[in-house]
Every structure is written in structure tokens, then in C-alpha cells.
Amino acid sequence: MVNRHFEYQGYQGSVEPDTEKGGFFGKVLLIRDLITYQAETTEQLDQEFRISVDGYLADCASLHKQPDVP
């Protein structure tokens, strides 16, 4: 695997193999809030990471909460 992490909108996300179920999983790094994602391929995992970051930022905005940043 070439990439060990993803980057999007200033956030970094991990890339880990799921040895029990197959595929991959990850979490957004360097923030206190917990944001996780999973997918069958690394390409799909990158998409899920971006969707998760966008969802997190949208949730923070709707709650009038300052998002945690790295």
C-alpha cells in the first residue's frame, strides 16, 4: 500500500487493514473527537474519509460547535 494516510480539508485519516472482516478502516487523526470510516478498497476508504470529514463539519455547523482541528 502506497498511502498510509489520507489528507482532506486540513484533516488526516489513517488507513488500516481489517484483518478480521477484510477491507480497510480508519479514523481521523490528531483531533479529540472520534470519526471513523470503513470500506472494501483503499479508493473507497478515501471517499468514506472525505464523506466523514464533510459530515463532521456539517454536524458541527448545525450544532454551532467549533470543529476540532489538528
C-alpha atoms as a PDB file:
ATOM      1  CA  MET A   1       0.000   0.000   0.000  1.00  0.00           C
ATOM      2  CA  VAL A   2       1.442   3.348  -1.020  1.00  0.00           C
ATOM      3  CA  ASN A   3      -0.511   5.753   1.231  1.00  0.00           C
ATOM      4  CA  ARG A   4      -0.577   5.236   4.976  1.00  0.00           C
ATOM      5  CA  HIS A   5      -2.924   8.166   5.493  1.00  0.00           C
ATOM      6  CA  PHE A   6      -5.299  10.474   3.667  1.00  0.00           C
ATOM      7  CA  GLU A   7      -5.479  14.280   3.736  1.00  0.00           C
ATOM      8  CA  TYR A   8      -8.549  16.430   3.134  1.00  0.00           C
ATOM      9  CA  GLN A   9      -9.547  19.949   4.276  1.00  0.00           C
ATOM     10  CA  GLY A  10      -6.653  20.040   6.752  1.00  0.00           C
ATOM     11  CA  TYR A  11      -7.540  16.678   8.329  1.00  0.00           C
ATOM     12  CA  GLN A  12      -5.556  13.451   8.187  1.00  0.00           C
ATOM     13  CA  GLY A  13      -7.049   9.984   8.261  1.00  0.00           C
ATOM     14  CA  SER A  14      -5.460   6.621   8.913  1.00  0.00           C
ATOM     15  CA  VAL A  15      -5.528   3.592   6.621  1.00  0.00           C
ATOM     16  CA  GLU A  16      -5.556   0.220   8.394  1.00  0.00           C
ATOM     17  CA  PRO A  17      -6.270  -3.269   7.060  1.00  0.00           C
ATOM     18  CA  ASP A  18      -9.211  -5.054   8.693  1.00  0.00           C
ATOM     19  CA  THR A  19      -7.705  -8.490   9.251  1.00  0.00           C
ATOM     20  CA  GLU A  20     -10.906  -9.944  10.733  1.00  0.00           C
ATOM     21  CA  LYS A  21     -13.500  -8.810   8.178  1.00  0.00           C
ATOM     22  CA  GLY A  22     -11.333  -7.892   5.183  1.00  0.00           C
ATOM     23  CA  GLY A  23     -11.184  -4.464   3.622  1.00  0.00           C
ATOM     24  CA  PHE A  24      -9.898  -1.397   5.422  1.00  0.00           C
ATOM     25  CA  PHE A  25     -10.814   1.005   8.215  1.00  0.00           C
ATOM     26  CA  GLY A  26      -9.505   4.272   9.548  1.00  0.00           C
ATOM     27  CA  LYS A  27     -10.062   7.241  11.813  1.00  0.00           C
ATOM     28  CA  VAL A  28      -9.421  10.955  11.619  1.00  0.00           C
ATOM     29  CA  LEU A  29      -6.103  11.669  13.319  1.00  0.00           C
ATOM     30  CA  LEU A  30      -4.884  14.393  15.658  1.00  0.00           C
ATOM     31  CA  ILE A  31      -8.296  15.526  16.973  1.00  0.00           C
ATOM     32  CA  ARG A  32     -10.175  14.725  20.180  1.00  0.00           C
ATOM     33  CA  ASP A  33     -13.484  13.852  18.501  1.00  0.00           C
ATOM     34  CA  LEU A  34     -13.798  10.283  17.210  1.00  0.00           C
ATOM     35  CA  ILE A  35     -14.525   9.967  13.487  1.00  0.00           C
ATOM     36  CA  THR A  36     -14.194   6.522  11.884  1.00  0.00           C
ATOM     37  CA  TYR A  37     -14.837   5.059   8.435  1.00  0.00           C
ATOM     38  CA  GLN A  38     -14.509   1.715   6.634  1.00  0.00           C
ATOM     39  CA  ALA A  39     -14.586   0.318   3.089  1.00  0.00           C
ATOM     40  CA  GLU A  40     -13.605  -2.625   0.919  1.00  0.00           C
ATOM     41  CA  THR A  41     -10.818  -0.856  -1.033  1.00  0.00           C
ATOM     42  CA  THR A  42      -8.420   1.998  -0.302  1.00  0.00           C
ATOM     43  CA  GLU A  43     -10.071   4.066  -3.045  1.00  0.00           C
ATOM     44  CA  GLN A  44     -13.460   3.631  -1.359  1.00  0.00           C
ATOM     45  CA  LEU A  45     -11.835   4.298   2.013  1.00  0.00           C
ATOM     46  CA  ASP A  46     -10.573   7.654   0.745  1.00  0.00           C
ATOM     47  CA  GLN A  47     -14.119   8.523  -0.359  1.00  0.00           C
ATOM     48  CA  GLU A  48     -15.526   7.461   3.027  1.00  0.00           C
ATOM     49  CA  PHE A  49     -12.869   9.548   4.806  1.00  0.00           C
ATOM     50  CA  ARG A  50     -13.895  12.630   2.811  1.00  0.00           C
ATOM     51  CA  ILE A  51     -17.601  11.951   3.441  1.00  0.00           C
ATOM     52  CA  SER A  52     -16.872  11.566   7.163  1.00  0.00           C
ATOM     53  CA  VAL A  53     -14.939  14.856   7.349  1.00  0.00           C
ATOM     54  CA  ASP A  54     -17.674  16.692   5.437  1.00  0.00           C
ATOM     55  CA  GLY A  55     -20.326  15.164   7.725  1.00  0.00           C
ATOM     56  CA  TYR A  56     -18.367  16.116  10.830  1.00  0.00           C
ATOM     57  CA  LEU A  57     -18.000  19.724   9.668  1.00  0.00           C
ATOM     58  CA  ALA A  58     -21.710  19.894   8.753  1.00  0.00           C
ATOM     59  CA  ASP A  59     -22.717  18.476  12.146  1.00  0.00           C
ATOM     60  CA  CYS A  60     -20.500  20.989  13.953  1.00  0.00           C
ATOM     61  CA  ALA A  61     -22.029  23.845  11.947  1.00  0.00           C
ATOM     62  CA  SER A  62     -25.595  22.714  12.665  1.00  0.00           C
ATOM     63  CA  LEU A  63     -24.787  22.433  16.382  1.00  0.00           C
ATOM     64  CA  HIS A  64     -22.959  25.804  16.384  1.00  0.00           C
ATOM     65  CA  LYS A  65     -19.889  23.931  17.664  1.00  0.00           C
ATOM     66  CA  GLN A  66     -16.354  24.838  16.697  1.00  0.00           C
ATOM     67  CA  PRO A  67     -14.877  21.754  14.946  1.00  0.00           C
ATOM     68  CA  ASP A  68     -11.783  20.248  16.464  1.00  0.00           C
ATOM     69  CA  VAL A  69      -8.787  20.820  14.197  1.00  0.00           C
ATOM     70  CA  PRO A  70      -5.374  19.162  14.110  1.00  0.00           C
END
